[in-house]
Amino acid sequence: MDTTPRTAAALSTYLEGQKFGCVLAEIPWRLPERDAAGTMSLDDILALPVADHLEDRAHCYLWVPNALLPEGMKVLAAWGFKYTSNIIWQKSATDEAQVASDETDAFDDITEVLLFGIRGKNVRTLAPARSTVNFIAPGPVSVPGGKPLAQYRIIESCSWGPFLELFGHAPREGWTVWEDRAARVAISA
């Protein structure tokens, strides 16, 4: 259970010099029209020392709401990655995020983007990626309101480890998870 604050220093302390070949991040983005509680400012996200904990060659998978694509590109660059592609996730019709659209949304937001970035040389995805489409259909999610479980199958087959998950929802075998969101919710309740 990770109860550390969401700061650059907390991340560095937690990782204690470890290096990773792949990072997955589900950032608690601060959306302008929504309550800021439990979210992070873009400046705080950009300040996270992710690049300090990466191997010379690495992959990044970064979840970004459609309304914050420009900010997602800034985060990729700040963490030392070059954007190369994305995966689109179609949320389930019962997903809370789909139902919770508000009047500032241009469209009913039933998709989310998983940006993909690379760092270093010889960073082409592993062979299974050549037969993996960049689309995740509705299906089981990690926790209610969480991301699709299919993300792990894709990442583990297309990228190399060691694997780091930032702002995860639960521990996962073979992964280092910083900030278990479920633990944070239980502590604050």
N, C-alpha and C. Protein backbone atom coordinates (compact mmCIF):
# COMPACT_ATOMS: atom_id res chain seq x y z
N MET A 1 0.85 -1.17 0.00
CA MET A 1 0.00 0.00 0.00
C MET A 1 0.90 1.24 0.00
N ASP A 2 0.75 2.09 -1.00
CA ASP A 2 1.57 3.29 -1.13
C ASP A 2 0.78 4.50 -0.67
N THR A 3 1.24 5.15 0.39
CA THR A 3 0.55 6.33 0.90
C THR A 3 1.42 7.58 0.76
N THR A 4 2.46 7.52 -0.05
CA THR A 4 3.37 8.65 -0.20
C THR A 4 2.69 9.78 -0.97
N PRO A 5 3.14 11.01 -0.74
CA PRO A 5 2.56 12.12 -1.50
C PRO A 5 2.99 12.04 -2.97
N ARG A 6 2.24 12.74 -3.80
CA ARG A 6 2.53 12.76 -5.24
C ARG A 6 3.54 13.86 -5.54
N THR A 7 4.79 13.64 -5.22
CA THR A 7 5.82 14.64 -5.49
C THR A 7 7.00 13.99 -6.19
N ALA A 8 7.83 14.83 -6.80
CA ALA A 8 9.05 14.34 -7.44
C ALA A 8 9.94 13.63 -6.43
N ALA A 9 10.08 14.21 -5.25
CA ALA A 9 10.93 13.61 -4.21
C ALA A 9 10.36 12.26 -3.76
N ALA A 10 9.05 12.17 -3.62
CA ALA A 10 8.43 10.91 -3.19
C ALA A 10 8.66 9.82 -4.22
N LEU A 11 8.57 10.15 -5.50
CA LEU A 11 8.81 9.16 -6.55
C LEU A 11 10.25 8.68 -6.50
N SER A 12 11.20 9.60 -6.41
CA SER A 12 12.62 9.23 -6.35
C SER A 12 12.91 8.34 -5.15
N THR A 13 12.36 8.70 -4.01
CA THR A 13 12.57 7.90 -2.80
C THR A 13 11.98 6.51 -2.97
N TYR A 14 10.79 6.42 -3.51
CA TYR A 14 10.12 5.13 -3.68
C TYR A 14 10.91 4.21 -4.62
N LEU A 15 11.41 4.77 -5.71
CA LEU A 15 12.10 3.95 -6.72
C LEU A 15 13.56 3.66 -6.38
N GLU A 16 14.15 4.41 -5.46
CA GLU A 16 15.50 4.17 -4.96
C GLU A 16 16.51 3.79 -6.05
N GLY A 17 16.56 4.57 -7.12
CA GLY A 17 17.57 4.35 -8.16
C GLY A 17 17.27 3.23 -9.14
N GLN A 18 16.12 2.58 -9.03
CA GLN A 18 15.77 1.52 -9.98
C GLN A 18 15.64 2.10 -11.38
N LYS A 19 15.89 1.27 -12.39
CA LYS A 19 15.74 1.67 -13.79
C LYS A 19 14.74 0.74 -14.46
N PHE A 20 13.96 1.31 -15.38
CA PHE A 20 12.88 0.57 -16.04
C PHE A 20 12.98 0.69 -17.55
N GLY A 21 12.53 -0.36 -18.23
CA GLY A 21 12.50 -0.38 -19.69
C GLY A 21 11.15 0.03 -20.25
N CYS A 22 10.15 0.12 -19.36
CA CYS A 22 8.81 0.48 -19.82
C CYS A 22 8.05 1.12 -18.67
N VAL A 23 7.34 2.20 -18.97
CA VAL A 23 6.51 2.88 -17.97
C VAL A 23 5.10 3.05 -18.52
N LEU A 24 4.13 2.77 -17.66
CA LEU A 24 2.71 2.98 -17.94
C LEU A 24 2.23 4.00 -16.93
N ALA A 25 1.54 5.04 -17.39
CA ALA A 25 1.07 6.07 -16.46
C ALA A 25 -0.39 6.41 -16.71
N GLU A 26 -1.16 6.37 -15.63
CA GLU A 26 -2.55 6.82 -15.64
C GLU A 26 -2.62 8.03 -14.71
N ILE A 27 -2.19 9.15 -15.21
CA ILE A 27 -2.04 10.37 -14.43
C ILE A 27 -3.39 10.88 -13.93
N PRO A 28 -3.44 11.35 -12.69
CA PRO A 28 -4.67 11.98 -12.19
C PRO A 28 -4.74 13.43 -12.70
N TRP A 29 -5.07 13.56 -13.98
CA TRP A 29 -5.10 14.86 -14.66
C TRP A 29 -6.08 15.82 -14.00
N ARG A 30 -5.71 17.08 -13.98
CA ARG A 30 -6.61 18.15 -13.51
C ARG A 30 -7.33 18.72 -14.72
N LEU A 31 -8.62 18.45 -14.80
CA LEU A 31 -9.42 18.98 -15.89
C LEU A 31 -10.04 20.30 -15.44
N PRO A 32 -10.01 21.32 -16.26
CA PRO A 32 -10.45 22.66 -15.85
C PRO A 32 -11.87 22.72 -15.32
N GLU A 33 -12.77 21.94 -15.88
CA GLU A 33 -14.18 22.03 -15.50
C GLU A 33 -14.55 21.10 -14.35
N ARG A 34 -13.58 20.40 -13.78
CA ARG A 34 -13.89 19.43 -12.72
C ARG A 34 -13.15 19.77 -11.43
N ASP A 35 -13.61 19.19 -10.33
CA ASP A 35 -13.00 19.38 -9.02
C ASP A 35 -11.53 18.97 -9.04
N ALA A 36 -10.66 19.78 -8.45
CA ALA A 36 -9.22 19.53 -8.46
C ALA A 36 -8.78 18.53 -7.40
N ALA A 37 -9.65 18.15 -6.49
CA ALA A 37 -9.29 17.22 -5.42
C ALA A 37 -8.79 15.90 -6.01
N GLY A 38 -7.66 15.45 -5.52
CA GLY A 38 -7.10 14.18 -5.95
C GLY A 38 -6.39 14.22 -7.29
N THR A 39 -6.20 15.42 -7.86
CA THR A 39 -5.54 15.54 -9.15
C THR A 39 -4.18 16.21 -8.99
N MET A 40 -3.44 16.30 -10.09
CA MET A 40 -2.14 16.96 -10.10
C MET A 40 -2.12 18.06 -11.15
N SER A 41 -1.40 19.13 -10.87
CA SER A 41 -1.23 20.19 -11.85
C SER A 41 -0.26 19.71 -12.93
N LEU A 42 -0.33 20.31 -14.10
CA LEU A 42 0.57 19.95 -15.17
C LEU A 42 2.02 20.18 -14.75
N ASP A 43 2.30 21.28 -14.04
CA ASP A 43 3.67 21.54 -13.59
C ASP A 43 4.19 20.43 -12.68
N ASP A 44 3.35 19.93 -11.78
CA ASP A 44 3.77 18.84 -10.89
C ASP A 44 4.01 17.54 -11.66
N ILE A 45 3.19 17.30 -12.67
CA ILE A 45 3.36 16.10 -13.50
C ILE A 45 4.66 16.20 -14.28
N LEU A 46 4.90 17.35 -14.89
CA LEU A 46 6.13 17.55 -15.67
C LEU A 46 7.37 17.41 -14.81
N ALA A 47 7.27 17.76 -13.52
CA ALA A 47 8.42 17.73 -12.62
C ALA A 47 8.76 16.33 -12.12
N LEU A 48 7.88 15.35 -12.33
CA LEU A 48 8.20 14.00 -11.87
C LEU A 48 9.46 13.50 -12.58
N PRO A 49 10.43 12.97 -11.84
CA PRO A 49 11.73 12.58 -12.42
C PRO A 49 11.69 11.21 -13.09
N VAL A 50 10.72 11.00 -13.96
CA VAL A 50 10.57 9.70 -14.61
C VAL A 50 11.82 9.36 -15.42
N ALA A 51 12.37 10.33 -16.16
CA ALA A 51 13.55 10.08 -17.00
C ALA A 51 14.74 9.57 -16.19
N ASP A 52 14.82 9.96 -14.92
CA ASP A 52 15.92 9.50 -14.07
C ASP A 52 15.83 8.02 -13.75
N HIS A 53 14.68 7.42 -13.99
CA HIS A 53 14.47 6.02 -13.63
C HIS A 53 14.22 5.13 -14.84
N LEU A 54 14.75 5.56 -15.99
CA LEU A 54 14.59 4.80 -17.22
C LEU A 54 15.92 4.27 -17.71
N GLU A 55 15.86 3.11 -18.35
CA GLU A 55 17.04 2.58 -19.03
C GLU A 55 17.27 3.45 -20.27
N ASP A 56 18.43 3.29 -20.90
CA ASP A 56 18.75 4.10 -22.08
C ASP A 56 17.73 3.92 -23.20
N ARG A 57 17.19 2.73 -23.31
CA ARG A 57 16.14 2.46 -24.30
C ARG A 57 14.90 2.04 -23.55
N ALA A 58 13.80 2.75 -23.83
CA ALA A 58 12.58 2.50 -23.06
C ALA A 58 11.34 2.88 -23.86
N HIS A 59 10.21 2.35 -23.40
CA HIS A 59 8.90 2.68 -23.96
C HIS A 59 8.05 3.34 -22.88
N CYS A 60 7.11 4.18 -23.32
CA CYS A 60 6.16 4.81 -22.41
C CYS A 60 4.75 4.68 -22.99
N TYR A 61 3.82 4.30 -22.13
CA TYR A 61 2.39 4.25 -22.45
C TYR A 61 1.72 5.23 -21.50
N LEU A 62 1.13 6.29 -22.03
CA LEU A 62 0.60 7.38 -21.22
C LEU A 62 -0.88 7.62 -21.54
N TRP A 63 -1.76 7.37 -20.56
CA TRP A 63 -3.18 7.62 -20.73
C TRP A 63 -3.46 9.12 -20.69
N VAL A 64 -4.23 9.59 -21.67
CA VAL A 64 -4.54 11.01 -21.77
C VAL A 64 -6.00 11.19 -22.17
N PRO A 65 -6.75 12.00 -21.41
CA PRO A 65 -8.12 12.32 -21.87
C PRO A 65 -8.04 13.09 -23.19
N ASN A 66 -9.02 12.91 -24.02
CA ASN A 66 -9.02 13.57 -25.33
C ASN A 66 -8.81 15.08 -25.22
N ALA A 67 -9.38 15.71 -24.22
CA ALA A 67 -9.28 17.16 -24.07
C ALA A 67 -7.87 17.62 -23.69
N LEU A 68 -6.99 16.69 -23.28
CA LEU A 68 -5.66 17.08 -22.82
C LEU A 68 -4.52 16.50 -23.67
N LEU A 69 -4.81 16.23 -24.94
CA LEU A 69 -3.76 15.68 -25.81
C LEU A 69 -2.51 16.56 -25.87
N PRO A 70 -2.63 17.89 -26.01
CA PRO A 70 -1.41 18.71 -26.04
C PRO A 70 -0.58 18.57 -24.75
N GLU A 71 -1.26 18.50 -23.61
CA GLU A 71 -0.56 18.33 -22.34
C GLU A 71 0.13 16.97 -22.27
N GLY A 72 -0.53 15.94 -22.81
CA GLY A 72 0.08 14.61 -22.85
C GLY A 72 1.36 14.60 -23.66
N MET A 73 1.37 15.31 -24.77
CA MET A 73 2.60 15.40 -25.58
C MET A 73 3.72 16.09 -24.80
N LYS A 74 3.37 17.12 -24.03
CA LYS A 74 4.37 17.81 -23.20
C LYS A 74 4.94 16.86 -22.14
N VAL A 75 4.09 16.05 -21.54
CA VAL A 75 4.54 15.11 -20.52
C VAL A 75 5.49 14.08 -21.14
N LEU A 76 5.12 13.52 -22.28
CA LEU A 76 6.02 12.57 -22.95
C LEU A 76 7.40 13.18 -23.15
N ALA A 77 7.45 14.39 -23.69
CA ALA A 77 8.73 15.05 -23.94
C ALA A 77 9.50 15.32 -22.65
N ALA A 78 8.81 15.80 -21.62
CA ALA A 78 9.47 16.10 -20.34
C ALA A 78 10.05 14.85 -19.71
N TRP A 79 9.43 13.71 -19.94
CA TRP A 79 9.92 12.46 -19.37
C TRP A 79 10.95 11.79 -20.26
N GLY A 80 11.31 12.43 -21.37
CA GLY A 80 12.38 11.93 -22.22
C GLY A 80 11.95 11.04 -23.37
N PHE A 81 10.68 11.10 -23.76
CA PHE A 81 10.16 10.24 -24.82
C PHE A 81 9.77 11.03 -26.06
N LYS A 82 9.84 10.36 -27.19
CA LYS A 82 9.38 10.90 -28.47
C LYS A 82 8.08 10.17 -28.81
N TYR A 83 7.03 10.93 -29.07
CA TYR A 83 5.75 10.32 -29.45
C TYR A 83 5.89 9.63 -30.80
N THR A 84 5.35 8.39 -30.90
CA THR A 84 5.36 7.69 -32.19
C THR A 84 4.00 7.14 -32.61
N SER A 85 3.12 6.86 -31.64
CA SER A 85 1.83 6.26 -31.99
C SER A 85 0.87 6.34 -30.81
N ASN A 86 -0.29 5.71 -30.96
CA ASN A 86 -1.25 5.67 -29.85
C ASN A 86 -2.14 4.46 -29.99
N ILE A 87 -2.84 4.18 -28.92
CA ILE A 87 -3.86 3.14 -28.89
C ILE A 87 -5.14 3.81 -28.42
N ILE A 88 -6.23 3.56 -29.11
CA ILE A 88 -7.51 4.14 -28.74
C ILE A 88 -8.32 3.08 -27.98
N TRP A 89 -8.86 3.50 -26.84
CA TRP A 89 -9.72 2.61 -26.05
C TRP A 89 -11.16 3.11 -26.14
N GLN A 90 -12.06 2.24 -26.55
CA GLN A 90 -13.48 2.55 -26.56
C GLN A 90 -14.05 2.08 -25.23
N LYS A 91 -14.52 3.03 -24.43
CA LYS A 91 -15.07 2.69 -23.13
C LYS A 91 -16.40 1.97 -23.28
N SER A 92 -16.74 1.19 -22.29
CA SER A 92 -18.00 0.47 -22.26
C SER A 92 -19.16 1.45 -22.10
N ALA A 93 -20.32 1.09 -22.60
CA ALA A 93 -21.50 1.94 -22.46
C ALA A 93 -21.90 2.13 -21.00
N THR A 94 -21.44 1.25 -20.13
CA THR A 94 -21.76 1.37 -18.71
C THR A 94 -20.66 2.07 -17.93
N ASP A 95 -19.59 2.45 -18.60
CA ASP A 95 -18.47 3.10 -17.93
C ASP A 95 -18.89 4.46 -17.39
N GLU A 96 -18.61 4.72 -16.13
CA GLU A 96 -18.98 5.99 -15.50
C GLU A 96 -18.44 7.20 -16.27
N ALA A 97 -17.24 7.07 -16.80
CA ALA A 97 -16.62 8.20 -17.49
C ALA A 97 -17.44 8.62 -18.71
N GLN A 98 -18.05 7.65 -19.38
CA GLN A 98 -18.85 7.98 -20.56
C GLN A 98 -20.12 8.72 -20.15
N VAL A 99 -20.75 8.26 -19.11
CA VAL A 99 -22.01 8.85 -18.67
C VAL A 99 -21.79 10.24 -18.08
N ALA A 100 -20.59 10.50 -17.57
CA ALA A 100 -20.31 11.74 -16.84
C ALA A 100 -19.90 12.90 -17.73
N SER A 101 -20.22 12.88 -19.02
CA SER A 101 -19.86 14.02 -19.86
C SER A 101 -20.65 15.24 -19.41
N ASP A 102 -20.06 16.41 -19.61
CA ASP A 102 -20.77 17.63 -19.20
C ASP A 102 -20.95 18.55 -20.40
N GLU A 103 -21.58 19.69 -20.17
CA GLU A 103 -21.92 20.57 -21.29
C GLU A 103 -20.72 21.23 -21.96
N THR A 104 -19.51 21.12 -21.38
CA THR A 104 -18.33 21.71 -22.02
C THR A 104 -17.69 20.75 -23.02
N ASP A 105 -18.09 19.47 -22.99
CA ASP A 105 -17.54 18.50 -23.94
C ASP A 105 -18.13 18.75 -25.33
N ALA A 106 -17.28 18.72 -26.36
CA ALA A 106 -17.75 18.91 -27.72
C ALA A 106 -18.53 17.70 -28.21
N PHE A 107 -18.09 16.52 -27.78
CA PHE A 107 -18.73 15.26 -28.16
C PHE A 107 -18.87 14.39 -26.92
N ASP A 108 -19.74 13.39 -27.00
CA ASP A 108 -19.85 12.42 -25.92
C ASP A 108 -18.54 11.62 -25.90
N ASP A 109 -17.79 11.73 -24.85
CA ASP A 109 -16.43 11.20 -24.76
C ASP A 109 -16.43 9.71 -24.41
N ILE A 110 -16.47 8.84 -25.43
CA ILE A 110 -16.49 7.41 -25.17
C ILE A 110 -15.16 6.74 -25.49
N THR A 111 -14.14 7.54 -25.78
CA THR A 111 -12.81 6.98 -26.04
C THR A 111 -11.78 7.68 -25.16
N GLU A 112 -10.65 7.02 -25.00
CA GLU A 112 -9.50 7.63 -24.35
C GLU A 112 -8.26 7.18 -25.10
N VAL A 113 -7.22 7.99 -25.04
CA VAL A 113 -6.01 7.74 -25.83
C VAL A 113 -4.88 7.27 -24.93
N LEU A 114 -4.19 6.23 -25.38
CA LEU A 114 -2.98 5.74 -24.73
C LEU A 114 -1.83 6.11 -25.65
N LEU A 115 -1.15 7.22 -25.32
CA LEU A 115 -0.02 7.66 -26.14
C LEU A 115 1.14 6.69 -25.99
N PHE A 116 1.90 6.49 -27.06
CA PHE A 116 3.06 5.61 -27.02
C PHE A 116 4.29 6.42 -27.42
N GLY A 117 5.32 6.37 -26.58
CA GLY A 117 6.55 7.08 -26.85
C GLY A 117 7.76 6.17 -26.70
N ILE A 118 8.84 6.56 -27.37
CA ILE A 118 10.08 5.78 -27.32
C ILE A 118 11.22 6.67 -26.84
N ARG A 119 12.26 6.00 -26.32
CA ARG A 119 13.46 6.69 -25.85
C ARG A 119 14.65 5.82 -26.22
N GLY A 120 15.67 6.45 -26.83
CA GLY A 120 16.90 5.73 -27.13
C GLY A 120 16.96 5.18 -28.54
N LYS A 121 17.91 4.28 -28.76
CA LYS A 121 18.12 3.65 -30.06
C LYS A 121 17.67 2.21 -29.99
N ASN A 122 17.34 1.64 -31.16
CA ASN A 122 16.88 0.26 -31.24
C ASN A 122 15.70 0.02 -30.30
N VAL A 123 14.68 0.84 -30.44
CA VAL A 123 13.54 0.77 -29.53
C VAL A 123 12.25 0.30 -30.20
N ARG A 124 12.37 -0.33 -31.34
CA ARG A 124 11.18 -0.85 -32.00
C ARG A 124 10.49 -1.84 -31.07
N THR A 125 9.17 -1.83 -31.10
CA THR A 125 8.41 -2.75 -30.27
C THR A 125 8.78 -4.20 -30.60
N LEU A 126 8.50 -5.09 -29.67
CA LEU A 126 8.76 -6.52 -29.88
C LEU A 126 7.86 -7.07 -30.97
N ALA A 127 8.21 -8.22 -31.51
CA ALA A 127 7.52 -8.80 -32.66
C ALA A 127 5.99 -8.88 -32.53
N PRO A 128 5.42 -9.25 -31.37
CA PRO A 128 3.96 -9.32 -31.29
C PRO A 128 3.25 -8.01 -31.64
N ALA A 129 3.94 -6.90 -31.53
CA ALA A 129 3.31 -5.61 -31.85
C ALA A 129 2.92 -5.53 -33.32
N ARG A 130 3.63 -6.23 -34.19
CA ARG A 130 3.34 -6.18 -35.61
C ARG A 130 1.98 -6.78 -35.95
N SER A 131 1.42 -7.56 -35.04
CA SER A 131 0.08 -8.13 -35.27
C SER A 131 -0.93 -7.62 -34.23
N THR A 132 -0.58 -6.54 -33.54
CA THR A 132 -1.46 -5.96 -32.53
C THR A 132 -2.04 -4.66 -33.08
N VAL A 133 -3.36 -4.56 -33.12
CA VAL A 133 -3.99 -3.33 -33.60
C VAL A 133 -3.97 -2.27 -32.49
N ASN A 134 -4.06 -1.01 -32.88
CA ASN A 134 -4.01 0.08 -31.89
C ASN A 134 -5.41 0.48 -31.44
N PHE A 135 -6.19 -0.51 -31.05
CA PHE A 135 -7.55 -0.29 -30.60
C PHE A 135 -7.88 -1.31 -29.51
N ILE A 136 -8.47 -0.82 -28.42
CA ILE A 136 -8.93 -1.71 -27.35
C ILE A 136 -10.45 -1.56 -27.28
N ALA A 137 -11.14 -2.66 -27.52
CA ALA A 137 -12.60 -2.68 -27.46
C ALA A 137 -13.07 -2.69 -26.01
N PRO A 138 -14.33 -2.35 -25.78
CA PRO A 138 -14.86 -2.43 -24.42
C PRO A 138 -14.64 -3.82 -23.84
N GLY A 139 -14.30 -3.87 -22.58
CA GLY A 139 -14.05 -5.15 -21.91
C GLY A 139 -13.76 -4.91 -20.45
N PRO A 140 -13.27 -5.94 -19.77
CA PRO A 140 -13.01 -5.82 -18.33
C PRO A 140 -12.01 -4.70 -18.02
N VAL A 141 -12.26 -4.02 -16.89
CA VAL A 141 -11.36 -2.96 -16.44
C VAL A 141 -10.72 -3.36 -15.11
N SER A 142 -9.62 -2.68 -14.76
CA SER A 142 -8.86 -3.01 -13.56
C SER A 142 -9.69 -2.82 -12.29
N VAL A 143 -10.41 -1.74 -12.20
CA VAL A 143 -11.31 -1.42 -11.10
C VAL A 143 -12.42 -0.57 -11.71
N PRO A 144 -13.57 -0.42 -11.03
CA PRO A 144 -14.60 0.46 -11.59
C PRO A 144 -14.01 1.85 -11.88
N GLY A 145 -14.21 2.31 -13.10
CA GLY A 145 -13.66 3.61 -13.50
C GLY A 145 -12.20 3.54 -13.92
N GLY A 146 -11.60 2.34 -13.87
CA GLY A 146 -10.19 2.17 -14.23
C GLY A 146 -10.00 1.90 -15.71
N LYS A 147 -8.79 1.59 -16.07
CA LYS A 147 -8.44 1.33 -17.46
C LYS A 147 -8.60 -0.15 -17.80
N PRO A 148 -8.62 -0.48 -19.10
CA PRO A 148 -8.88 -1.86 -19.51
C PRO A 148 -7.74 -2.80 -19.13
N LEU A 149 -8.10 -3.98 -18.67
CA LEU A 149 -7.09 -4.99 -18.34
C LEU A 149 -6.28 -5.38 -19.57
N ALA A 150 -6.85 -5.25 -20.76
CA ALA A 150 -6.15 -5.59 -21.99
C ALA A 150 -4.86 -4.80 -22.17
N GLN A 151 -4.76 -3.64 -21.52
CA GLN A 151 -3.54 -2.84 -21.65
C GLN A 151 -2.31 -3.63 -21.22
N TYR A 152 -2.44 -4.42 -20.18
CA TYR A 152 -1.28 -5.17 -19.67
C TYR A 152 -0.83 -6.24 -20.66
N ARG A 153 -1.78 -6.94 -21.27
CA ARG A 153 -1.43 -7.96 -22.27
C ARG A 153 -0.68 -7.31 -23.43
N ILE A 154 -1.17 -6.17 -23.87
CA ILE A 154 -0.53 -5.47 -24.99
C ILE A 154 0.88 -5.03 -24.59
N ILE A 155 0.99 -4.37 -23.47
CA ILE A 155 2.29 -3.83 -23.04
C ILE A 155 3.29 -4.94 -22.78
N GLU A 156 2.88 -5.98 -22.07
CA GLU A 156 3.81 -7.06 -21.72
C GLU A 156 4.25 -7.86 -22.93
N SER A 157 3.46 -7.88 -24.00
CA SER A 157 3.86 -8.62 -25.19
C SER A 157 4.61 -7.75 -26.21
N CYS A 158 4.42 -6.44 -26.14
CA CYS A 158 5.01 -5.55 -27.15
C CYS A 158 6.23 -4.77 -26.65
N SER A 159 6.44 -4.73 -25.33
CA SER A 159 7.55 -3.97 -24.76
C SER A 159 8.29 -4.84 -23.75
N TRP A 160 9.49 -4.44 -23.42
CA TRP A 160 10.31 -5.17 -22.47
C TRP A 160 10.26 -4.50 -21.10
N GLY A 161 10.60 -5.22 -20.09
CA GLY A 161 10.66 -4.69 -18.74
C GLY A 161 12.07 -4.28 -18.39
N PRO A 162 12.29 -4.00 -17.16
CA PRO A 162 11.33 -4.03 -16.07
C PRO A 162 10.23 -2.99 -16.28
N PHE A 163 9.05 -3.31 -15.73
CA PHE A 163 7.85 -2.50 -15.92
C PHE A 163 7.56 -1.64 -14.69
N LEU A 164 7.24 -0.37 -14.94
CA LEU A 164 6.85 0.59 -13.90
C LEU A 164 5.47 1.11 -14.24
N GLU A 165 4.56 1.11 -13.24
CA GLU A 165 3.25 1.71 -13.42
C GLU A 165 3.12 2.88 -12.45
N LEU A 166 2.84 4.05 -13.00
CA LEU A 166 2.63 5.24 -12.18
C LEU A 166 1.13 5.47 -12.02
N PHE A 167 0.71 5.70 -10.78
CA PHE A 167 -0.69 5.96 -10.44
C PHE A 167 -1.58 4.75 -10.77
N GLY A 168 -1.09 3.58 -10.42
CA GLY A 168 -1.84 2.35 -10.66
C GLY A 168 -3.00 2.20 -9.69
N HIS A 169 -3.81 1.20 -9.93
CA HIS A 169 -4.96 0.93 -9.07
C HIS A 169 -4.73 -0.23 -8.13
N ALA A 170 -3.76 -1.09 -8.44
CA ALA A 170 -3.50 -2.26 -7.60
C ALA A 170 -2.15 -2.85 -7.97
N PRO A 171 -1.56 -3.60 -7.04
CA PRO A 171 -0.30 -4.28 -7.37
C PRO A 171 -0.50 -5.24 -8.53
N ARG A 172 0.57 -5.48 -9.29
CA ARG A 172 0.51 -6.43 -10.40
C ARG A 172 1.84 -7.18 -10.45
N GLU A 173 1.76 -8.49 -10.56
CA GLU A 173 2.96 -9.31 -10.60
C GLU A 173 3.85 -8.90 -11.76
N GLY A 174 5.14 -8.74 -11.48
CA GLY A 174 6.10 -8.36 -12.51
C GLY A 174 6.21 -6.86 -12.73
N TRP A 175 5.47 -6.07 -11.97
CA TRP A 175 5.47 -4.62 -12.12
C TRP A 175 5.82 -3.95 -10.80
N THR A 176 6.47 -2.80 -10.89
CA THR A 176 6.63 -1.92 -9.74
C THR A 176 5.53 -0.87 -9.89
N VAL A 177 4.68 -0.74 -8.87
CA VAL A 177 3.55 0.18 -8.95
C VAL A 177 3.74 1.29 -7.92
N TRP A 178 3.79 2.53 -8.42
CA TRP A 178 3.88 3.69 -7.54
C TRP A 178 2.51 4.30 -7.39
N GLU A 179 2.10 4.44 -6.19
CA GLU A 179 0.82 4.97 -5.76
C GLU A 179 -0.34 4.11 -6.19
N ASP A 180 -0.71 3.25 -5.31
CA ASP A 180 -1.89 2.41 -5.48
C ASP A 180 -3.10 3.30 -5.18
N ARG A 181 -3.83 3.70 -6.22
CA ARG A 181 -4.97 4.61 -6.04
C ARG A 181 -6.04 4.05 -5.12
N ALA A 182 -6.24 2.73 -5.17
CA ALA A 182 -7.24 2.13 -4.31
C ALA A 182 -6.86 2.33 -2.85
N ALA A 183 -5.56 2.23 -2.52
CA ALA A 183 -5.10 2.43 -1.16
C ALA A 183 -5.31 3.89 -0.76
N ARG A 184 -5.04 4.83 -1.66
CA ARG A 184 -5.22 6.25 -1.36
C ARG A 184 -6.68 6.56 -1.05
N VAL A 185 -7.60 5.98 -1.82
CA VAL A 185 -9.03 6.22 -1.59
C VAL A 185 -9.44 5.66 -0.24
N ALA A 186 -8.95 4.44 0.08
CA ALA A 186 -9.31 3.82 1.37
C ALA A 186 -8.79 4.64 2.54
N ILE A 187 -7.60 5.22 2.41
CA ILE A 187 -7.02 6.02 3.50
C ILE A 187 -7.76 7.32 3.69
N SER A 188 -8.18 7.95 2.58
CA SER A 188 -8.83 9.24 2.68
C SER A 188 -10.31 9.12 3.08
N ALA A 189 -10.85 7.91 3.02
CA ALA A 189 -12.28 7.73 3.35
C ALA A 189 -12.52 7.73 4.85
